[in-house]
Amino acid sequence: MIFTRLFPFLTWFKLVTKASLKADLIAGLTGAVIVLPQGVAFATIAGLPPEYGLYTAMVTPIVAALFGSSLHLVSGPTTAISIVVFSAISHYAEPGSDEFVSLALTLTFLAGVYQLAFGLARLGAMVNFVSHTVVIGFTAGAAILIASSQLQHITGIFVPKGESFLHTLLDLYQGAGSANFYLITIGLVTLITTILVKKFFPKLPNLLLGMVVGSILALYFKEFTADIKLVGEIPAHLPPLSMPNFSFATIKMLAPEAFAVALLGLIEAVSISRAVATKSNQRIHANQEFIGQGMSNVVGSFLSSYAGSGSFTRSGLNYASGAKTPLSAIFAAIILMLIVLLVAPLMGYLPIAAMAGVILVVAYNLIDFHHIRETLSFSIEESAVLITTFLATLFLELEFAIYLGVLLSLVLFLGKTSTPSIPTLSLDKTQTNGKKKLIDINEKPLKQCPQLKIIRIDMSIYFGSVNHIQKRIATISENERINHILIVASGINFIDLAGTEALIAENNRLVKNGGCLYFVGLKPSVYEFAAKSHFIQQVGISRFFDTKKHAIEHIYKKLDREICATCPALIFDECQP
């Protein structure tokens, strides 16, 4: 057991067969062809030399596959992470410079340490509190930022480094008259080719073919303009050893940005792995996925790789290609190494305008139009989160946009759980198998006892919900003049100390008025905590019941007989003459 925790690949390695090896090899070959242009494009977005995207696509998938939990997740460079890396480091160094690369490696190491710590501390459940709407809003905003940053390469209009979104648009508008027709043609032809290949020949590597067509067109246009810039030759070797900058000043400077990268990377990886797992009927262990992502980034920082995460495109394609085990991701990385050794020099002929055209397609695919329409149509709260995160991504620092989105998710979650449903129940006289059922009076108009109010609390009683629950009990006591309140507690998942204190206070107030709080159907775990916190002792053990029948029998004895004598409801068996 301890070996499988330390080396989780021992678990899925048992699934490897001759048939699965063949399926994984085919899926790996497909993945390698797809990630070749993506790696170059993503590194460009991150402000790094193109080879660093390929190095990341070689190292990160192997480590993440060995130490993660998903059978189909493929890690590596991603668009969202790349733009956050660029945003975080471009304040401190010139993109593409040696200092920029060094800081990117340090950022990657710190992000990996954060992720590893989260996994070891078993904080995988925290991803559940980040709304998927936040991710949709952030990626949509990131897509527009990416597109706007590439327009200068397609048009040839000069835009200073580090310009904000609005300033970039202003620079492009003011320089529209100096746009280069040849660069625009290269970018558009690359873009159109990529889209058409995807539509009519979906099995072919559309991004790669788009780059090839753009490169051929650039060779032809070279006779007419000198403004066509090339990506430059990519070194034809495997990821070299590297060393992050471990100076205290650098770590202190990058720690906040690294936390944002770590958080976004974990949200991406776990969300994607769960999405694919729903199709493959696999259970994902979020803590192990955290460890896998953390290990991949820590190891990657010493092998010339920048921060990576799970890729939705490559993971989905990996599953669709018939992959059976994480060996497919490992095969993809190894095949990519072989491809780079053979064809890396050819990448030197790739025009930056063609690369920008490919990146525009990548950016467009980031926008989840389907879920955006659904969110805006059906939920006001989720729409507010989506729009806020989207605008924050465009106009504020990207790290702050991530934090703001997470904060909004938590506020939304707390808002929903702080106002639990508290329906009023009454006995239905319609016999069901000889028993009367307690049902919600909103579902069926029923008579109610004028002295005993029966309510059900459908969520947990904790510091966030106590105010709502206290108001409900106070309304019953003060407005309806009912001081005997029976709480059907079967829907309560837990009670914290703030919850017990609030219930004790309400019980004491009801006791002064001649009534009391009663509880029926507490779950064993909730009852155990209530006993340990002395809640049961202070309310009185005689006020807690296992069945509704026993609870009503006990409470009926405490009701005012004069009121019972003139009561028109007579809903309990005890009420009958």
Protein backbone atom coordinates (compact mmCIF):
# COMPACT_ATOMS: atom_id res chain seq x y z
CA MET A 1 0.00 0.00 0.00
CA ILE A 2 2.77 2.44 0.93
CA PHE A 3 4.60 1.68 -2.34
CA THR A 4 1.54 2.53 -4.44
CA ARG A 5 1.21 5.84 -2.59
CA LEU A 6 4.85 6.71 -3.22
CA PHE A 7 4.84 5.28 -6.76
CA PRO A 8 1.25 5.45 -8.07
CA PHE A 9 2.34 4.22 -11.50
CA LEU A 10 2.65 0.75 -9.95
CA THR A 11 -1.17 0.69 -9.82
CA TRP A 12 -1.89 1.38 -13.48
CA PHE A 13 1.20 -0.49 -14.71
CA LYS A 14 -0.74 -3.69 -13.99
CA LEU A 15 -3.21 -2.68 -16.71
CA VAL A 16 -0.54 -2.73 -19.43
CA THR A 17 -1.02 -5.48 -22.01
CA LYS A 18 0.15 -6.09 -25.55
CA ALA A 19 -3.12 -4.59 -26.87
CA SER A 20 -2.92 -1.56 -24.58
CA LEU A 21 0.70 -0.92 -25.60
CA LYS A 22 -0.33 -0.77 -29.24
CA ALA A 23 -3.27 1.56 -28.48
CA ASP A 24 -1.08 3.82 -26.30
CA LEU A 25 1.63 3.97 -28.97
CA ILE A 26 -0.85 5.10 -31.65
CA ALA A 27 -2.38 7.69 -29.27
CA GLY A 28 1.14 8.85 -28.33
CA LEU A 29 2.12 9.34 -31.98
CA THR A 30 -1.01 11.43 -32.56
CA GLY A 31 -0.32 13.49 -29.44
CA ALA A 32 3.30 14.14 -30.45
CA VAL A 33 2.30 15.52 -33.85
CA ILE A 34 -0.30 17.77 -32.24
CA VAL A 35 1.96 19.14 -29.49
CA LEU A 36 4.82 20.06 -31.84
CA PRO A 37 3.22 23.28 -33.16
CA GLN A 38 1.40 23.86 -29.86
CA GLY A 39 4.63 23.76 -27.85
CA VAL A 40 6.24 26.39 -30.08
CA ALA A 41 3.10 28.56 -30.00
CA PHE A 42 2.66 28.35 -26.22
CA ALA A 43 6.29 29.22 -25.55
CA THR A 44 5.86 32.27 -27.77
CA ILE A 45 2.83 33.32 -25.73
CA ALA A 46 4.85 32.86 -22.52
CA GLY A 47 7.61 35.15 -23.85
CA LEU A 48 10.14 32.30 -23.95
CA PRO A 49 12.28 30.96 -26.81
CA PRO A 50 10.24 28.39 -28.83
CA GLU A 51 12.31 25.39 -27.72
CA TYR A 52 11.15 25.81 -24.11
CA GLY A 53 7.61 24.90 -25.11
CA LEU A 54 8.93 21.69 -26.66
CA TYR A 55 11.09 20.92 -23.62
CA THR A 56 8.01 21.33 -21.41
CA ALA A 57 6.05 18.98 -23.68
CA MET A 58 8.84 16.39 -23.30
CA VAL A 59 9.40 16.48 -19.52
CA THR A 60 6.11 17.44 -17.89
CA PRO A 61 3.89 14.69 -19.40
CA ILE A 62 6.25 11.91 -18.28
CA VAL A 63 6.49 12.99 -14.64
CA ALA A 64 2.77 13.87 -14.39
CA ALA A 65 1.81 10.50 -15.90
CA LEU A 66 3.99 8.61 -13.42
CA PHE A 67 2.81 10.43 -10.31
CA GLY A 68 -0.76 11.51 -11.21
CA SER A 69 -3.98 9.51 -10.98
CA SER A 70 -5.67 10.02 -14.36
CA LEU A 71 -5.29 7.41 -17.08
CA HIS A 72 -5.80 9.91 -19.89
CA LEU A 73 -4.65 13.34 -18.69
CA VAL A 74 -1.81 14.73 -20.82
CA SER A 75 0.16 17.52 -19.16
CA GLY A 76 2.47 20.05 -20.74
CA PRO A 77 2.43 23.70 -21.84
CA THR A 78 -1.02 25.30 -21.93
CA THR A 79 -2.34 28.60 -23.21
CA ALA A 80 -3.72 29.93 -19.92
CA ILE A 81 -0.60 29.06 -17.91
CA SER A 82 1.61 30.52 -20.65
CA ILE A 83 -0.09 33.90 -20.59
CA VAL A 84 0.06 34.04 -16.78
CA VAL A 85 3.79 33.22 -16.91
CA PHE A 86 4.30 36.06 -19.39
CA SER A 87 2.22 38.46 -17.30
CA ALA A 88 4.03 37.54 -14.08
CA ILE A 89 7.61 37.86 -15.33
CA SER A 90 7.42 40.56 -18.02
CA HIS A 91 7.36 43.16 -15.20
CA TYR A 92 10.84 42.10 -14.12
CA ALA A 93 12.71 41.09 -17.29
CA GLU A 94 12.69 41.45 -21.08
CA PRO A 95 10.74 38.56 -22.71
CA GLY A 96 13.09 36.10 -24.39
CA SER A 97 16.14 37.23 -22.43
CA ASP A 98 18.30 34.94 -20.28
CA GLU A 99 17.02 36.68 -17.15
CA PHE A 100 13.42 36.09 -18.25
CA VAL A 101 14.14 32.38 -18.77
CA SER A 102 15.81 32.13 -15.35
CA LEU A 103 12.85 33.78 -13.62
CA ALA A 104 10.42 31.51 -15.53
CA LEU A 105 12.27 28.45 -14.22
CA THR A 106 12.15 29.82 -10.67
CA LEU A 107 8.44 30.56 -11.04
CA THR A 108 7.90 26.99 -12.25
CA PHE A 109 9.82 25.53 -9.30
CA LEU A 110 7.85 27.59 -6.76
CA ALA A 111 4.52 26.72 -8.40
CA GLY A 112 5.49 23.03 -8.26
CA VAL A 113 6.38 23.30 -4.57
CA TYR A 114 3.00 24.89 -3.83
CA GLN A 115 1.18 22.15 -5.74
CA LEU A 116 3.20 19.39 -4.08
CA ALA A 117 2.49 20.88 -0.66
CA PHE A 118 -1.25 21.06 -1.41
CA GLY A 119 -1.23 17.41 -2.47
CA LEU A 120 0.74 16.18 0.55
CA ALA A 121 -1.55 18.19 2.84
CA ARG A 122 -4.51 16.46 1.14
CA LEU A 123 -6.14 19.70 0.04
CA GLY A 124 -7.45 18.25 -3.22
CA ALA A 125 -11.03 19.00 -2.23
CA MET A 126 -10.37 22.75 -2.42
CA VAL A 127 -10.73 22.60 -6.22
CA ASN A 128 -14.40 21.73 -5.66
CA PHE A 129 -14.97 25.24 -4.28
CA VAL A 130 -13.78 26.97 -7.45
CA SER A 131 -16.67 27.43 -9.82
CA HIS A 132 -16.19 26.18 -13.37
CA THR A 133 -17.59 29.56 -14.39
CA VAL A 134 -14.40 31.19 -13.09
CA VAL A 135 -12.28 29.03 -15.37
CA ILE A 136 -14.55 29.81 -18.35
CA GLY A 137 -14.43 33.56 -17.68
CA PHE A 138 -10.66 33.56 -17.14
CA THR A 139 -9.86 31.53 -20.26
CA ALA A 140 -12.19 33.67 -22.39
CA GLY A 141 -10.41 36.81 -21.17
CA ALA A 142 -7.01 35.17 -21.67
CA ALA A 143 -8.01 34.22 -25.22
CA ILE A 144 -8.74 37.84 -26.10
CA LEU A 145 -5.47 38.98 -24.50
CA ILE A 146 -3.56 36.36 -26.50
CA ALA A 147 -5.28 37.37 -29.74
CA SER A 148 -4.58 41.06 -29.17
CA SER A 149 -0.91 40.33 -28.43
CA GLN A 150 -0.51 38.48 -31.76
CA LEU A 151 -2.12 41.11 -33.99
CA GLN A 152 1.12 43.12 -34.05
CA HIS A 153 2.95 40.14 -35.62
CA ILE A 154 0.26 39.71 -38.28
CA THR A 155 -0.02 43.41 -39.12
CA GLY A 156 3.60 44.48 -38.60
CA ILE A 157 2.43 47.39 -36.42
CA PHE A 158 4.86 48.22 -33.60
CA VAL A 159 3.43 47.75 -30.09
CA PRO A 160 5.74 48.43 -27.09
CA LYS A 161 6.41 45.52 -24.74
CA GLY A 162 4.24 45.21 -21.66
CA GLU A 163 1.35 47.32 -22.96
CA SER A 164 -2.06 46.84 -21.35
CA PHE A 165 -5.00 45.48 -23.33
CA LEU A 166 -6.50 48.91 -24.00
CA HIS A 167 -3.15 50.47 -24.92
CA THR A 168 -2.43 47.57 -27.29
CA LEU A 169 -5.74 48.14 -29.07
CA LEU A 170 -5.02 51.90 -29.22
CA ASP A 171 -1.54 51.30 -30.70
CA LEU A 172 -3.00 48.95 -33.31
CA TYR A 173 -5.70 51.48 -34.23
CA GLN A 174 -3.24 54.36 -34.55
CA GLY A 175 -0.81 52.28 -36.61
CA ALA A 176 -3.44 50.77 -38.94
CA GLY A 177 -2.18 52.86 -41.83
CA SER A 178 1.28 51.25 -41.67
CA ALA A 179 0.04 47.64 -41.65
CA ASN A 180 2.01 45.24 -43.85
CA PHE A 181 -0.15 43.56 -46.51
CA TYR A 182 2.21 40.60 -46.93
CA LEU A 183 2.29 39.78 -43.20
CA ILE A 184 -1.51 40.04 -43.00
CA THR A 185 -1.82 37.66 -45.97
CA ILE A 186 0.57 35.12 -44.38
CA GLY A 187 -1.31 35.25 -41.06
CA LEU A 188 -4.77 34.97 -42.64
CA VAL A 189 -3.81 32.18 -45.04
CA THR A 190 -2.29 30.23 -42.12
CA LEU A 191 -5.42 30.80 -40.05
CA ILE A 192 -7.82 29.85 -42.86
CA THR A 193 -5.79 26.75 -43.77
CA THR A 194 -5.81 25.61 -40.14
CA ILE A 195 -9.60 26.04 -39.88
CA LEU A 196 -10.35 24.33 -43.23
CA VAL A 197 -8.11 21.33 -42.48
CA LYS A 198 -9.80 20.95 -39.10
CA LYS A 199 -13.24 21.06 -40.73
CA PHE A 200 -12.71 18.83 -43.77
CA PHE A 201 -9.81 16.61 -42.64
CA PRO A 202 -10.21 16.39 -38.82
CA LYS A 203 -7.73 13.52 -38.48
CA LEU A 204 -4.84 15.53 -39.97
CA PRO A 205 -2.64 17.83 -37.79
CA ASN A 206 -4.29 21.12 -38.76
CA LEU A 207 -1.95 23.41 -36.81
CA LEU A 208 1.14 21.84 -38.34
CA LEU A 209 -0.26 22.00 -41.88
CA GLY A 210 -1.27 25.62 -41.33
CA MET A 211 2.31 26.46 -40.36
CA VAL A 212 3.69 24.64 -43.43
CA VAL A 213 1.39 26.57 -45.80
CA GLY A 214 2.25 29.87 -44.08
CA SER A 215 5.98 29.12 -44.32
CA ILE A 216 5.76 28.34 -48.06
CA LEU A 217 3.84 31.56 -48.68
CA ALA A 218 6.45 33.50 -46.68
CA LEU A 219 9.23 32.10 -48.86
CA TYR A 220 7.38 33.42 -51.92
CA PHE A 221 6.73 36.86 -50.37
CA LYS A 222 10.36 37.24 -49.28
CA GLU A 223 11.16 38.78 -52.68
CA PHE A 224 8.62 41.57 -52.10
CA THR A 225 9.22 42.60 -48.48
CA ALA A 226 12.02 42.49 -45.92
CA ASP A 227 9.67 42.64 -42.92
CA ILE A 228 9.03 38.89 -42.68
CA LYS A 229 10.65 37.78 -39.43
CA LEU A 230 11.32 34.13 -38.69
CA VAL A 231 11.02 32.22 -35.41
CA GLY A 232 14.65 31.18 -35.66
CA GLU A 233 16.32 27.79 -35.56
CA ILE A 234 15.38 25.56 -32.64
CA PRO A 235 18.26 23.56 -31.09
CA ALA A 236 18.02 19.90 -32.13
CA HIS A 237 18.74 18.37 -28.73
CA LEU A 238 16.96 17.05 -25.67
CA PRO A 239 16.05 19.27 -22.68
CA PRO A 240 19.33 20.49 -21.12
CA LEU A 241 19.86 20.73 -17.38
CA SER A 242 18.92 24.10 -15.88
CA MET A 243 19.03 25.80 -12.50
CA PRO A 244 16.31 28.09 -11.11
CA ASN A 245 17.38 31.23 -9.28
CA PHE A 246 17.13 30.42 -5.56
CA SER A 247 18.13 33.83 -4.21
CA PHE A 248 15.89 35.03 -1.38
CA ALA A 249 15.03 38.26 -3.23
CA THR A 250 13.88 36.34 -6.34
CA ILE A 251 11.81 33.84 -4.36
CA LYS A 252 10.17 36.65 -2.37
CA MET A 253 9.44 38.56 -5.59
CA LEU A 254 7.88 35.61 -7.45
CA ALA A 255 6.11 33.79 -4.58
CA PRO A 256 2.71 35.55 -5.04
CA GLU A 257 2.72 35.01 -8.83
CA ALA A 258 3.79 31.39 -8.36
CA PHE A 259 0.80 30.80 -6.11
CA ALA A 260 -1.52 32.04 -8.86
CA VAL A 261 0.19 29.80 -11.43
CA ALA A 262 -0.05 26.82 -9.05
CA LEU A 263 -3.72 27.43 -8.36
CA LEU A 264 -4.64 27.86 -12.03
CA GLY A 265 -2.61 24.77 -12.97
CA LEU A 266 -4.38 22.62 -10.37
CA ILE A 267 -7.83 23.86 -11.39
CA GLU A 268 -7.04 23.10 -15.04
CA ALA A 269 -5.56 19.66 -14.38
CA VAL A 270 -8.25 18.38 -12.02
CA SER A 271 -11.13 19.84 -14.06
CA ILE A 272 -9.84 18.28 -17.29
CA SER A 273 -9.02 14.91 -15.73
CA ARG A 274 -12.51 14.74 -14.19
CA ALA A 275 -14.13 15.72 -17.49
CA VAL A 276 -12.34 12.91 -19.31
CA ALA A 277 -12.92 10.49 -16.41
CA THR A 278 -16.69 10.88 -16.79
CA LYS A 279 -16.33 9.32 -20.25
CA SER A 280 -13.86 6.61 -19.23
CA ASN A 281 -15.66 5.72 -15.96
CA GLN A 282 -12.52 6.34 -13.92
CA ARG A 283 -12.29 7.84 -10.44
CA ILE A 284 -9.85 10.73 -10.08
CA HIS A 285 -7.90 11.25 -6.83
CA ALA A 286 -7.44 15.01 -6.61
CA ASN A 287 -4.68 14.82 -3.98
CA GLN A 288 -2.62 12.47 -6.15
CA GLU A 289 -3.23 14.71 -9.16
CA PHE A 290 -1.89 17.66 -7.13
CA ILE A 291 1.24 15.65 -6.35
CA GLY A 292 1.66 14.66 -9.99
CA GLN A 293 1.39 18.25 -11.21
CA GLY A 294 3.70 19.49 -8.46
CA MET A 295 6.34 16.85 -9.22
CA SER A 296 6.20 17.60 -12.95
CA ASN A 297 6.83 21.30 -12.40
CA VAL A 298 9.57 20.82 -9.78
CA VAL A 299 11.43 18.31 -11.97
CA GLY A 300 10.73 20.37 -15.09
CA SER A 301 12.34 23.48 -13.61
CA PHE A 302 15.69 21.59 -13.59
CA LEU A 303 15.23 20.40 -17.20
CA SER A 304 14.56 23.70 -19.00
CA SER A 305 10.78 23.41 -18.75
CA TYR A 306 8.37 26.14 -17.70
CA ALA A 307 5.10 25.74 -15.78
CA GLY A 308 2.68 23.25 -17.29
CA SER A 309 -0.68 21.72 -16.51
CA GLY A 310 -3.28 19.42 -18.02
CA SER A 311 -4.22 20.16 -21.62
CA PHE A 312 -7.88 19.78 -22.57
CA THR A 313 -7.12 19.45 -26.28
CA ARG A 314 -4.39 16.83 -25.92
CA SER A 315 -6.18 14.95 -23.13
CA GLY A 316 -9.42 14.75 -25.09
CA LEU A 317 -7.55 13.68 -28.21
CA ASN A 318 -5.61 11.12 -26.17
CA TYR A 319 -8.85 9.49 -24.98
CA ALA A 320 -10.47 9.70 -28.43
CA SER A 321 -7.39 8.06 -29.97
CA GLY A 322 -7.97 4.96 -27.84
CA ALA A 323 -5.33 5.43 -25.12
CA LYS A 324 -5.62 2.90 -22.30
CA THR A 325 -2.95 3.93 -19.78
CA PRO A 326 -0.71 6.94 -19.00
CA LEU A 327 1.95 5.28 -21.16
CA SER A 328 0.32 7.13 -24.07
CA ALA A 329 1.47 10.47 -22.61
CA ILE A 330 4.96 9.04 -22.05
CA PHE A 331 5.09 7.71 -25.62
CA ALA A 332 3.99 11.14 -26.93
CA ALA A 333 6.86 12.81 -25.07
CA ILE A 334 9.44 10.28 -26.32
CA ILE A 335 8.19 10.49 -29.94
CA LEU A 336 8.33 14.30 -29.70
CA MET A 337 11.98 14.03 -28.65
CA LEU A 338 12.71 11.99 -31.78
CA ILE A 339 10.78 14.43 -34.01
CA VAL A 340 12.64 17.43 -32.57
CA LEU A 341 16.01 15.77 -33.13
CA LEU A 342 15.08 15.24 -36.78
CA VAL A 343 13.08 18.31 -37.82
CA ALA A 344 13.99 21.06 -35.32
CA PRO A 345 16.25 22.91 -37.82
CA LEU A 346 13.28 23.25 -40.21
CA MET A 347 11.42 25.31 -37.59
CA GLY A 348 13.90 28.09 -38.32
CA TYR A 349 11.99 28.79 -41.55
CA LEU A 350 8.72 29.37 -39.70
CA PRO A 351 7.57 33.01 -40.06
CA ILE A 352 6.33 34.71 -36.89
CA ALA A 353 3.24 35.91 -38.81
CA ALA A 354 2.29 32.27 -39.52
CA MET A 355 2.88 31.40 -35.89
CA ALA A 356 0.61 34.29 -34.91
CA GLY A 357 -2.11 32.94 -37.22
CA VAL A 358 -1.93 29.55 -35.48
CA ILE A 359 -2.04 31.21 -32.06
CA LEU A 360 -5.21 33.08 -33.08
CA VAL A 361 -6.86 29.71 -33.79
CA VAL A 362 -5.66 28.40 -30.42
CA ALA A 363 -7.04 31.50 -28.69
CA TYR A 364 -10.42 31.16 -30.39
CA ASN A 365 -10.70 27.52 -29.31
CA LEU A 366 -10.15 28.63 -25.71
CA ILE A 367 -13.52 30.42 -25.62
CA ASP A 368 -16.28 28.09 -24.45
CA PHE A 369 -19.21 29.75 -26.24
CA HIS A 370 -21.65 26.97 -25.32
CA HIS A 371 -21.17 27.28 -21.55
CA ILE A 372 -21.01 31.07 -21.74
CA ARG A 373 -24.44 31.17 -23.43
CA GLU A 374 -25.87 28.71 -20.90
CA THR A 375 -24.49 30.66 -17.95
CA LEU A 376 -25.77 34.02 -19.19
CA SER A 377 -29.20 32.50 -19.91
CA PHE A 378 -29.90 30.56 -16.73
CA SER A 379 -28.04 32.00 -13.74
CA ILE A 380 -27.71 35.61 -12.61
CA GLU A 381 -25.18 34.77 -9.88
CA GLU A 382 -22.98 32.67 -12.17
CA SER A 383 -23.27 35.33 -14.88
CA ALA A 384 -21.95 37.94 -12.44
CA VAL A 385 -18.98 35.69 -11.61
CA LEU A 386 -18.33 35.03 -15.31
CA ILE A 387 -18.45 38.68 -16.36
CA THR A 388 -16.40 39.88 -13.36
CA THR A 389 -13.66 37.30 -13.92
CA PHE A 390 -13.65 38.02 -17.67
CA LEU A 391 -13.30 41.79 -17.21
CA ALA A 392 -10.72 41.39 -14.43
CA THR A 393 -8.63 39.21 -16.76
CA LEU A 394 -8.74 41.86 -19.48
CA PHE A 395 -8.14 44.98 -17.42
CA LEU A 396 -6.36 43.90 -14.22
CA GLU A 397 -3.28 41.85 -13.39
CA LEU A 398 -3.86 38.22 -14.38
CA GLU A 399 -2.80 36.91 -10.96
CA PHE A 400 -5.36 39.18 -9.31
CA ALA A 401 -8.02 38.01 -11.78
CA ILE A 402 -7.40 34.40 -10.67
CA TYR A 403 -7.62 35.32 -6.98
CA LEU A 404 -10.74 37.39 -7.60
CA GLY A 405 -12.40 34.51 -9.44
CA VAL A 406 -11.60 32.09 -6.62
CA LEU A 407 -12.85 34.59 -4.05
CA LEU A 408 -16.10 35.07 -5.99
CA SER A 409 -16.54 31.29 -6.14
CA LEU A 410 -16.18 31.05 -2.37
CA VAL A 411 -18.58 33.96 -1.82
CA LEU A 412 -21.10 32.29 -4.13
CA PHE A 413 -20.70 28.97 -2.33
CA LEU A 414 -21.06 30.58 1.10
CA GLY A 415 -24.05 32.56 -0.13
CA LYS A 416 -25.84 29.38 -1.17
CA THR A 417 -24.99 27.42 1.97
CA SER A 418 -25.67 30.32 4.35
CA THR A 419 -29.38 30.30 3.53
CA PRO A 420 -30.42 26.65 3.85
CA SER A 421 -33.93 25.62 2.94
CA ILE A 422 -36.08 25.29 6.08
CA PRO A 423 -39.49 23.97 4.98
CA THR A 424 -42.41 23.57 7.39
CA LEU A 425 -43.71 20.00 7.64
CA SER A 426 -47.01 18.53 8.70
CA LEU A 427 -48.56 15.07 8.87
CA ASP A 428 -50.47 13.94 5.81
CA LYS A 429 -53.65 12.14 6.91
CA THR A 430 -53.57 10.12 3.70
CA GLN A 431 -52.46 6.69 4.87
CA THR A 432 -49.40 5.18 3.17
CA ASN A 433 -48.83 1.59 4.21
CA GLY A 434 -50.60 2.37 7.43
CA LYS A 435 -48.26 5.26 8.26
CA LYS A 436 -48.68 9.03 8.18
CA LYS A 437 -45.92 10.90 6.39
CA LEU A 438 -44.43 14.28 7.21
CA ILE A 439 -44.44 16.35 4.04
CA ASP A 440 -43.66 19.95 3.05
CA ILE A 441 -46.78 22.11 3.37
CA ASN A 442 -45.74 23.92 0.17
CA GLU A 443 -46.20 20.68 -1.73
CA LYS A 444 -49.65 20.04 -0.28
CA PRO A 445 -51.80 22.37 1.86
CA LEU A 446 -52.15 20.64 5.23
CA LYS A 447 -53.45 21.61 8.64
CA GLN A 448 -50.81 22.34 11.26
CA CYS A 449 -50.65 21.96 15.01
CA PRO A 450 -51.07 25.43 16.60
CA GLN A 451 -48.62 24.53 19.40
CA LEU A 452 -45.93 22.46 17.68
CA LYS A 453 -44.03 23.61 14.61
CA ILE A 454 -42.19 20.91 12.66
CA ILE A 455 -39.39 22.15 10.38
CA ARG A 456 -36.62 20.48 8.41
CA ILE A 457 -33.14 21.97 7.94
CA ASP A 458 -31.70 20.79 4.63
CA MET A 459 -28.10 21.92 4.97
CA SER A 460 -25.35 22.13 7.52
CA ILE A 461 -25.55 24.36 10.57
CA TYR A 462 -22.31 26.35 10.66
CA PHE A 463 -21.10 29.90 11.26
CA GLY A 464 -22.34 31.04 7.84
CA SER A 465 -25.90 29.72 8.19
CA VAL A 466 -26.66 30.29 11.91
CA ASN A 467 -28.06 33.78 11.36
CA HIS A 468 -30.58 32.52 8.80
CA ILE A 469 -31.61 29.59 11.04
CA GLN A 470 -31.94 31.80 14.13
CA LYS A 471 -34.15 34.22 12.21
CA ARG A 472 -36.41 31.37 11.13
CA ILE A 473 -36.79 30.06 14.69
CA ALA A 474 -37.37 33.58 16.02
CA THR A 475 -40.08 34.18 13.41
CA ILE A 476 -41.90 31.03 14.51
CA SER A 477 -41.66 31.97 18.17
CA GLU A 478 -42.46 35.69 17.93
CA ASN A 479 -44.88 35.90 15.00
CA GLU A 480 -46.69 32.57 15.27
CA ARG A 481 -46.43 32.32 19.08
CA ILE A 482 -45.26 28.69 18.86
CA ASN A 483 -42.51 27.73 21.31
CA HIS A 484 -42.33 23.97 20.78
CA ILE A 485 -40.24 23.42 17.64
CA LEU A 486 -39.28 19.99 16.31
CA ILE A 487 -36.32 19.99 13.90
CA VAL A 488 -36.14 17.07 11.47
CA ALA A 489 -32.35 16.80 11.29
CA SER A 490 -31.85 14.06 8.71
CA GLY A 491 -30.62 16.61 6.14
CA ILE A 492 -27.97 18.14 8.42
CA ASN A 493 -24.48 17.01 7.40
CA PHE A 494 -22.54 18.68 10.19
CA ILE A 495 -22.79 21.24 12.98
CA ASP A 496 -19.87 23.42 14.06
CA LEU A 497 -19.33 25.15 17.40
CA ALA A 498 -20.96 28.36 16.19
CA GLY A 499 -23.99 26.31 15.18
CA THR A 500 -24.27 24.56 18.56
CA GLU A 501 -23.94 27.87 20.43
CA ALA A 502 -26.69 29.45 18.32
CA LEU A 503 -29.06 26.50 18.84
CA ILE A 504 -28.41 26.51 22.59
CA ALA A 505 -29.22 30.23 22.70
CA GLU A 506 -32.47 29.70 20.78
CA ASN A 507 -33.39 26.74 22.97
CA ASN A 508 -32.84 28.79 26.15
CA ARG A 509 -35.08 31.55 24.78
CA LEU A 510 -37.82 29.05 23.96
CA VAL A 511 -37.54 27.44 27.42
CA LYS A 512 -38.22 30.84 29.04
CA ASN A 513 -41.43 30.98 27.00
CA GLY A 514 -42.45 27.50 28.10
CA GLY A 515 -41.23 25.65 25.01
CA CYS A 516 -38.11 23.93 23.70
CA LEU A 517 -36.17 22.77 20.66
CA TYR A 518 -36.42 19.07 19.78
CA PHE A 519 -34.36 17.07 17.31
CA VAL A 520 -35.13 13.88 15.42
CA GLY A 521 -33.03 11.83 13.01
CA LEU A 522 -29.55 13.25 13.65
CA LYS A 523 -26.91 11.43 11.61
CA PRO A 524 -24.43 9.39 13.71
CA SER A 525 -21.46 11.65 12.84
CA VAL A 526 -23.46 14.78 13.72
CA TYR A 527 -24.74 13.20 16.95
CA GLU A 528 -21.18 12.26 17.91
CA PHE A 529 -19.95 15.84 17.49
CA ALA A 530 -23.01 17.18 19.34
CA ALA A 531 -22.18 14.89 22.26
CA LYS A 532 -18.47 15.81 22.31
CA SER A 533 -19.25 19.54 22.22
CA HIS A 534 -21.71 19.13 25.15
CA PHE A 535 -24.54 20.38 22.94
CA ILE A 536 -26.76 17.38 23.82
CA GLN A 537 -26.00 17.81 27.51
CA GLN A 538 -26.96 21.50 27.51
CA VAL A 539 -30.15 21.04 25.51
CA GLY A 540 -31.05 17.84 27.34
CA ILE A 541 -30.74 14.27 26.09
CA SER A 542 -34.52 13.82 26.41
CA ARG A 543 -34.98 16.29 23.53
CA PHE A 544 -33.28 14.02 20.96
CA PHE A 545 -35.23 11.23 19.25
CA ASP A 546 -34.57 8.46 16.74
CA THR A 547 -38.07 8.41 15.22
CA LYS A 548 -40.71 11.03 14.52
CA LYS A 549 -43.37 8.90 16.25
CA HIS A 550 -41.49 8.88 19.57
CA ALA A 551 -40.71 12.59 19.26
CA ILE A 552 -44.39 13.53 18.77
CA GLU A 553 -45.53 11.22 21.58
CA HIS A 554 -43.10 12.95 23.96
CA ILE A 555 -43.83 16.51 22.86
CA TYR A 556 -47.63 16.02 22.90
CA LYS A 557 -47.51 15.52 26.68
CA LYS A 558 -46.10 19.06 27.05
CA LEU A 559 -48.78 20.82 25.01
CA ASP A 560 -51.52 22.99 26.56
CA ARG A 561 -54.63 20.78 26.95
CA GLU A 562 -57.03 23.75 26.89
CA ILE A 563 -55.78 24.69 23.40
CA CYS A 564 -55.91 21.02 22.36
CA ALA A 565 -59.58 20.81 23.44
CA THR A 566 -60.62 23.48 20.91
CA CYS A 567 -58.07 22.62 18.19
CA PRO A 568 -59.66 22.02 14.74
CA ALA A 569 -56.51 20.38 13.28
CA LEU A 570 -56.19 17.16 15.33
CA ILE A 571 -53.36 15.96 13.07
CA PHE A 572 -51.62 13.59 15.53
CA ASP A 573 -52.86 10.18 16.67
CA GLU A 574 -52.64 11.49 20.23
CA CYS A 575 -55.12 14.23 19.39
CA GLN A 576 -57.95 11.77 18.73
CA PRO A 577 -60.55 11.33 21.58
